[in-house]
Amino acid sequence: MIILDNGIEYTSDKSKEFCGDAGIEHHFTIVYTPQQQNGVSERKNRTIMEMTTCMLFENKLSKNFVPRR
């Protein structure tokens, strides 16, 4: 079983078909409440994005490479 946010990449018919074919039971979080339902992974994702932004900035890469939030 996997729990996913309601991003369009996960709610598409292709994604549902893939999970069904593979026998994967999937559930979706409540819209606009990911921090309450999956706080640990949300904090980890934020930490990774902040570290990535810092590394890109320190290496003087173009702002086009800096992830947007």
PDB file of N, CA and C in Angstrom:
ATOM      1  N   MET A   1       0.841  -1.173   0.000  1.00  0.00           N
ATOM      2  CA  MET A   1       0.000   0.000   0.000  1.00  0.00           C
ATOM      3  C   MET A   1       0.893   1.246   0.000  1.00  0.00           C
ATOM      4  N   ILE A   2       0.502   2.233  -0.770  1.00  0.00           N
ATOM      5  CA  ILE A   2       1.198   3.512  -0.764  1.00  0.00           C
ATOM      6  C   ILE A   2       0.177   4.623  -0.533  1.00  0.00           C
ATOM      7  N   ILE A   3       0.644   5.692   0.081  1.00  0.00           N
ATOM      8  CA  ILE A   3      -0.200   6.854   0.308  1.00  0.00           C
ATOM      9  C   ILE A   3       0.416   8.011  -0.464  1.00  0.00           C
ATOM     10  N   LEU A   4      -0.369   8.628  -1.326  1.00  0.00           N
ATOM     11  CA  LEU A   4       0.117   9.660  -2.229  1.00  0.00           C
ATOM     12  C   LEU A   4      -0.627  10.969  -2.004  1.00  0.00           C
ATOM     13  N   ASP A   5       0.022  12.066  -2.397  1.00  0.00           N
ATOM     14  CA  ASP A   5      -0.710  13.326  -2.381  1.00  0.00           C
ATOM     15  C   ASP A   5      -1.611  13.358  -3.613  1.00  0.00           C
ATOM     16  N   ASN A   6      -2.366  14.395  -3.767  1.00  0.00           N
ATOM     17  CA  ASN A   6      -3.317  14.473  -4.869  1.00  0.00           C
ATOM     18  C   ASN A   6      -2.728  15.147  -6.101  1.00  0.00           C
ATOM     19  N   GLY A   7      -1.433  14.990  -6.314  1.00  0.00           N
ATOM     20  CA  GLY A   7      -0.797  15.547  -7.502  1.00  0.00           C
ATOM     21  C   GLY A   7      -1.311  14.868  -8.757  1.00  0.00           C
ATOM     22  N   ILE A   8      -1.378  15.627  -9.841  1.00  0.00           N
ATOM     23  CA  ILE A   8      -1.953  15.086 -11.072  1.00  0.00           C
ATOM     24  C   ILE A   8      -1.159  13.899 -11.617  1.00  0.00           C
ATOM     25  N   GLU A   9       0.125  13.818 -11.263  1.00  0.00           N
ATOM     26  CA  GLU A   9       0.916  12.690 -11.749  1.00  0.00           C
ATOM     27  C   GLU A   9       0.489  11.377 -11.085  1.00  0.00           C
ATOM     28  N   TYR A  10      -0.176  11.463  -9.931  1.00  0.00           N
ATOM     29  CA  TYR A  10      -0.593  10.266  -9.216  1.00  0.00           C
ATOM     30  C   TYR A  10      -2.068   9.924  -9.423  1.00  0.00           C
ATOM     31  N   THR A  11      -2.865  10.887  -9.829  1.00  0.00           N
ATOM     32  CA  THR A  11      -4.299  10.652  -9.968  1.00  0.00           C
ATOM     33  C   THR A  11      -4.709  10.337 -11.401  1.00  0.00           C
ATOM     34  N   SER A  12      -3.758  10.263 -12.294  1.00  0.00           N
ATOM     35  CA  SER A  12      -4.078  10.001 -13.697  1.00  0.00           C
ATOM     36  C   SER A  12      -4.551   8.557 -13.882  1.00  0.00           C
ATOM     37  N   ASP A  13      -5.270   8.330 -14.961  1.00  0.00           N
ATOM     38  CA  ASP A  13      -5.747   6.980 -15.268  1.00  0.00           C
ATOM     39  C   ASP A  13      -4.576   6.021 -15.474  1.00  0.00           C
ATOM     40  N   LYS A  14      -3.492   6.525 -16.047  1.00  0.00           N
ATOM     41  CA  LYS A  14      -2.317   5.682 -16.289  1.00  0.00           C
ATOM     42  C   LYS A  14      -1.713   5.200 -14.967  1.00  0.00           C
ATOM     43  N   SER A  15      -1.650   6.096 -13.985  1.00  0.00           N
ATOM     44  CA  SER A  15      -1.114   5.740 -12.679  1.00  0.00           C
ATOM     45  C   SER A  15      -2.023   4.729 -11.982  1.00  0.00           C
ATOM     46  N   LYS A  16      -3.329   4.965 -12.055  1.00  0.00           N
ATOM     47  CA  LYS A  16      -4.281   4.035 -11.437  1.00  0.00           C
ATOM     48  C   LYS A  16      -4.194   2.652 -12.089  1.00  0.00           C
ATOM     49  N   GLU A  17      -4.052   2.636 -13.395  1.00  0.00           N
ATOM     50  CA  GLU A  17      -3.941   1.373 -14.123  1.00  0.00           C
ATOM     51  C   GLU A  17      -2.669   0.633 -13.726  1.00  0.00           C
ATOM     52  N   PHE A  18      -1.553   1.367 -13.619  1.00  0.00           N
ATOM     53  CA  PHE A  18      -0.283   0.760 -13.227  1.00  0.00           C
ATOM     54  C   PHE A  18      -0.401   0.113 -11.851  1.00  0.00           C
ATOM     55  N   CYS A  19      -0.958   0.857 -10.893  1.00  0.00           N
ATOM     56  CA  CYS A  19      -1.101   0.322  -9.538  1.00  0.00           C
ATOM     57  C   CYS A  19      -2.015  -0.898  -9.522  1.00  0.00           C
ATOM     58  N   GLY A  20      -3.092  -0.827 -10.275  1.00  0.00           N
ATOM     59  CA  GLY A  20      -4.008  -1.957 -10.342  1.00  0.00           C
ATOM     60  C   GLY A  20      -3.345  -3.200 -10.919  1.00  0.00           C
ATOM     61  N   ASP A  21      -2.599  -3.019 -12.004  1.00  0.00           N
ATOM     62  CA  ASP A  21      -1.911  -4.146 -12.636  1.00  0.00           C
ATOM     63  C   ASP A  21      -0.849  -4.756 -11.723  1.00  0.00           C
ATOM     64  N   ALA A  22      -0.198  -3.918 -10.926  1.00  0.00           N
ATOM     65  CA  ALA A  22       0.869  -4.386 -10.041  1.00  0.00           C
ATOM     66  C   ALA A  22       0.339  -4.861  -8.691  1.00  0.00           C
ATOM     67  N   GLY A  23      -0.980  -4.718  -8.476  1.00  0.00           N
ATOM     68  CA  GLY A  23      -1.558  -5.143  -7.197  1.00  0.00           C
ATOM     69  C   GLY A  23      -1.252  -4.202  -6.062  1.00  0.00           C
ATOM     70  N   ILE A  24      -0.996  -2.937  -6.389  1.00  0.00           N
ATOM     71  CA  ILE A  24      -0.653  -1.948  -5.376  1.00  0.00           C
ATOM     72  C   ILE A  24      -1.926  -1.217  -4.952  1.00  0.00           C
ATOM     73  N   GLU A  25      -2.192  -1.258  -3.661  1.00  0.00           N
ATOM     74  CA  GLU A  25      -3.326  -0.519  -3.121  1.00  0.00           C
ATOM     75  C   GLU A  25      -2.842   0.898  -2.842  1.00  0.00           C
ATOM     76  N   HIS A  26      -3.523   1.884  -3.379  1.00  0.00           N
ATOM     77  CA  HIS A  26      -3.072   3.255  -3.159  1.00  0.00           C
ATOM     78  C   HIS A  26      -4.201   4.120  -2.616  1.00  0.00           C
ATOM     79  N   HIS A  27      -3.805   5.005  -1.711  1.00  0.00           N
ATOM     80  CA  HIS A  27      -4.726   5.938  -1.079  1.00  0.00           C
ATOM     81  C   HIS A  27      -4.165   7.339  -1.265  1.00  0.00           C
ATOM     82  N   PHE A  28      -5.035   8.321  -1.141  1.00  0.00           N
ATOM     83  CA  PHE A  28      -4.618   9.709  -1.309  1.00  0.00           C
ATOM     84  C   PHE A  28      -4.839  10.483  -0.017  1.00  0.00           C
ATOM     85  N   THR A  29      -3.936  11.424   0.235  1.00  0.00           N
ATOM     86  CA  THR A  29      -4.095  12.278   1.405  1.00  0.00           C
ATOM     87  C   THR A  29      -5.222  13.269   1.158  1.00  0.00           C
ATOM     88  N   ILE A  30      -5.699  13.866   2.224  1.00  0.00           N
ATOM     89  CA  ILE A  30      -6.728  14.895   2.109  1.00  0.00           C
ATOM     90  C   ILE A  30      -6.083  16.126   1.486  1.00  0.00           C
ATOM     91  N   VAL A  31      -6.789  16.763   0.583  1.00  0.00           N
ATOM     92  CA  VAL A  31      -6.257  17.911  -0.138  1.00  0.00           C
ATOM     93  C   VAL A  31      -5.869  19.036   0.830  1.00  0.00           C
ATOM     94  N   TYR A  32      -4.699  19.649   0.572  1.00  0.00           N
ATOM     95  CA  TYR A  32      -4.164  20.798   1.311  1.00  0.00           C
ATOM     96  C   TYR A  32      -3.798  20.494   2.763  1.00  0.00           C
ATOM     97  N   THR A  33      -3.612  19.229   3.121  1.00  0.00           N
ATOM     98  CA  THR A  33      -3.205  18.907   4.490  1.00  0.00           C
ATOM     99  C   THR A  33      -2.045  17.913   4.542  1.00  0.00           C
ATOM    100  N   PRO A  34      -1.056  18.023   3.657  1.00  0.00           N
ATOM    101  CA  PRO A  34       0.014  17.015   3.676  1.00  0.00           C
ATOM    102  C   PRO A  34       0.845  17.055   4.952  1.00  0.00           C
ATOM    103  N   GLN A  35       1.034  18.230   5.550  1.00  0.00           N
ATOM    104  CA  GLN A  35       1.873  18.326   6.738  1.00  0.00           C
ATOM    105  C   GLN A  35       1.249  17.570   7.902  1.00  0.00           C
ATOM    106  N   GLN A  36      -0.062  17.592   8.002  1.00  0.00           N
ATOM    107  CA  GLN A  36      -0.732  16.927   9.110  1.00  0.00           C
ATOM    108  C   GLN A  36      -0.742  15.420   8.926  1.00  0.00           C
ATOM    109  N   GLN A  37      -0.793  14.954   7.700  1.00  0.00           N
ATOM    110  CA  GLN A  37      -0.893  13.525   7.475  1.00  0.00           C
ATOM    111  C   GLN A  37       0.460  12.853   7.288  1.00  0.00           C
ATOM    112  N   ASN A  38       1.447  13.591   6.851  1.00  0.00           N
ATOM    113  CA  ASN A  38       2.735  12.974   6.552  1.00  0.00           C
ATOM    114  C   ASN A  38       3.856  13.948   6.905  1.00  0.00           C
ATOM    115  N   GLY A  39       3.852  14.427   8.118  1.00  0.00           N
ATOM    116  CA  GLY A  39       4.761  15.468   8.550  1.00  0.00           C
ATOM    117  C   GLY A  39       6.230  15.135   8.413  1.00  0.00           C
ATOM    118  N   VAL A  40       6.625  13.900   8.739  1.00  0.00           N
ATOM    119  CA  VAL A  40       8.041  13.529   8.699  1.00  0.00           C
ATOM    120  C   VAL A  40       8.581  13.644   7.285  1.00  0.00           C
ATOM    121  N   SER A  41       7.889  13.073   6.319  1.00  0.00           N
ATOM    122  CA  SER A  41       8.399  13.125   4.944  1.00  0.00           C
ATOM    123  C   SER A  41       8.311  14.538   4.376  1.00  0.00           C
ATOM    124  N   GLU A  42       7.302  15.316   4.770  1.00  0.00           N
ATOM    125  CA  GLU A  42       7.208  16.692   4.291  1.00  0.00           C
ATOM    126  C   GLU A  42       8.385  17.520   4.811  1.00  0.00           C
ATOM    127  N   ARG A  43       8.758  17.334   6.066  1.00  0.00           N
ATOM    128  CA  ARG A  43       9.905  18.061   6.626  1.00  0.00           C
ATOM    129  C   ARG A  43      11.199  17.634   5.946  1.00  0.00           C
ATOM    130  N   LYS A  44      11.335  16.333   5.681  1.00  0.00           N
ATOM    131  CA  LYS A  44      12.544  15.831   5.019  1.00  0.00           C
ATOM    132  C   LYS A  44      12.646  16.401   3.608  1.00  0.00           C
ATOM    133  N   ASN A  45      11.526  16.425   2.877  1.00  0.00           N
ATOM    134  CA  ASN A  45      11.530  17.007   1.532  1.00  0.00           C
ATOM    135  C   ASN A  45      11.934  18.470   1.576  1.00  0.00           C
ATOM    136  N   ARG A  46      11.434  19.210   2.554  1.00  0.00           N
ATOM    137  CA  ARG A  46      11.785  20.628   2.671  1.00  0.00           C
ATOM    138  C   ARG A  46      13.280  20.782   2.944  1.00  0.00           C
ATOM    139  N   THR A  47      13.809  19.951   3.831  1.00  0.00           N
ATOM    140  CA  THR A  47      15.236  20.008   4.150  1.00  0.00           C
ATOM    141  C   THR A  47      16.081  19.728   2.911  1.00  0.00           C
ATOM    142  N   ILE A  48      15.711  18.719   2.139  1.00  0.00           N
ATOM    143  CA  ILE A  48      16.453  18.381   0.926  1.00  0.00           C
ATOM    144  C   ILE A  48      16.398  19.530  -0.074  1.00  0.00           C
ATOM    145  N   MET A  49      15.228  20.138  -0.253  1.00  0.00           N
ATOM    146  CA  MET A  49      15.098  21.251  -1.194  1.00  0.00           C
ATOM    147  C   MET A  49      15.933  22.450  -0.738  1.00  0.00           C
ATOM    148  N   GLU A  50      15.946  22.727   0.566  1.00  0.00           N
ATOM    149  CA  GLU A  50      16.754  23.842   1.069  1.00  0.00           C
ATOM    150  C   GLU A  50      18.246  23.575   0.870  1.00  0.00           C
ATOM    151  N   MET A  51      18.678  22.345   1.099  1.00  0.00           N
ATOM    152  CA  MET A  51      20.083  21.994   0.894  1.00  0.00           C
ATOM    153  C   MET A  51      20.458  22.114  -0.582  1.00  0.00           C
ATOM    154  N   THR A  52      19.570  21.688  -1.446  1.00  0.00           N
ATOM    155  CA  THR A  52      19.812  21.780  -2.890  1.00  0.00           C
ATOM    156  C   THR A  52      19.955  23.236  -3.317  1.00  0.00           C
ATOM    157  N   THR A  53      19.056  24.069  -2.835  1.00  0.00           N
ATOM    158  CA  THR A  53      19.106  25.493  -3.162  1.00  0.00           C
ATOM    159  C   THR A  53      20.424  26.112  -2.701  1.00  0.00           C
ATOM    160  N   CYS A  54      20.855  25.762  -1.496  1.00  0.00           N
ATOM    161  CA  CYS A  54      22.123  26.298  -0.972  1.00  0.00           C
ATOM    162  C   CYS A  54      23.313  25.859  -1.819  1.00  0.00           C
ATOM    163  N   MET A  55      23.343  24.585  -2.199  1.00  0.00           N
ATOM    164  CA  MET A  55      24.463  24.091  -3.005  1.00  0.00           C
ATOM    165  C   MET A  55      24.504  24.759  -4.376  1.00  0.00           C
ATOM    166  N   LEU A  56      23.338  24.952  -4.980  1.00  0.00           N
ATOM    167  CA  LEU A  56      23.291  25.619  -6.284  1.00  0.00           C
ATOM    168  C   LEU A  56      23.758  27.071  -6.156  1.00  0.00           C
ATOM    169  N   PHE A  57      23.318  27.739  -5.101  1.00  0.00           N
ATOM    170  CA  PHE A  57      23.698  29.131  -4.878  1.00  0.00           C
ATOM    171  C   PHE A  57      25.201  29.255  -4.643  1.00  0.00           C
ATOM    172  N   GLU A  58      25.745  28.369  -3.808  1.00  0.00           N
ATOM    173  CA  GLU A  58      27.175  28.408  -3.498  1.00  0.00           C
ATOM    174  C   GLU A  58      28.038  28.149  -4.730  1.00  0.00           C
ATOM    175  N   ASN A  59      27.537  27.394  -5.673  1.00  0.00           N
ATOM    176  CA  ASN A  59      28.281  27.104  -6.894  1.00  0.00           C
ATOM    177  C   ASN A  59      28.006  28.106  -8.005  1.00  0.00           C
ATOM    178  N   LYS A  60      27.286  29.182  -7.637  1.00  0.00           N
ATOM    179  CA  LYS A  60      27.014  30.307  -8.536  1.00  0.00           C
ATOM    180  C   LYS A  60      26.338  29.875  -9.842  1.00  0.00           C
ATOM    181  N   LEU A  61      25.423  28.926  -9.733  1.00  0.00           N
ATOM    182  CA  LEU A  61      24.662  28.509 -10.901  1.00  0.00           C
ATOM    183  C   LEU A  61      23.556  29.513 -11.178  1.00  0.00           C
ATOM    184  N   SER A  62      23.094  29.510 -12.389  1.00  0.00           N
ATOM    185  CA  SER A  62      22.021  30.407 -12.794  1.00  0.00           C
ATOM    186  C   SER A  62      20.791  30.184 -11.929  1.00  0.00           C
ATOM    187  N   LYS A  63      20.018  31.238 -11.731  1.00  0.00           N
ATOM    188  CA  LYS A  63      18.795  31.120 -10.945  1.00  0.00           C
ATOM    189  C   LYS A  63      17.788  30.181 -11.589  1.00  0.00           C
ATOM    190  N   ASN A  64      17.982  29.871 -12.874  1.00  0.00           N
ATOM    191  CA  ASN A  64      17.084  28.926 -13.541  1.00  0.00           C
ATOM    192  C   ASN A  64      17.182  27.534 -12.933  1.00  0.00           C
ATOM    193  N   PHE A  65      18.301  27.228 -12.278  1.00  0.00           N
ATOM    194  CA  PHE A  65      18.488  25.918 -11.678  1.00  0.00           C
ATOM    195  C   PHE A  65      17.960  25.836 -10.247  1.00  0.00           C
ATOM    196  N   VAL A  66      17.643  26.964  -9.650  1.00  0.00           N
ATOM    197  CA  VAL A  66      17.155  26.971  -8.264  1.00  0.00           C
ATOM    198  C   VAL A  66      15.705  26.523  -8.256  1.00  0.00           C
ATOM    199  N   PRO A  67      15.383  25.496  -7.457  1.00  0.00           N
ATOM    200  CA  PRO A  67      14.004  25.004  -7.417  1.00  0.00           C
ATOM    201  C   PRO A  67      13.040  26.062  -6.889  1.00  0.00           C
ATOM    202  N   ARG A  68      11.865  26.077  -7.442  1.00  0.00           N
ATOM    203  CA  ARG A  68      10.828  27.017  -6.984  1.00  0.00           C
ATOM    204  C   ARG A  68       9.902  26.297  -6.036  1.00  0.00           C
ATOM    205  N   ARG A  69       9.344  27.053  -5.117  1.00  0.00           N
ATOM    206  CA  ARG A  69       8.404  26.471  -4.163  1.00  0.00           C
ATOM    207  C   ARG A  69       7.013  26.900  -4.445  1.00  0.00           C
TER     208      ARG A  69
END
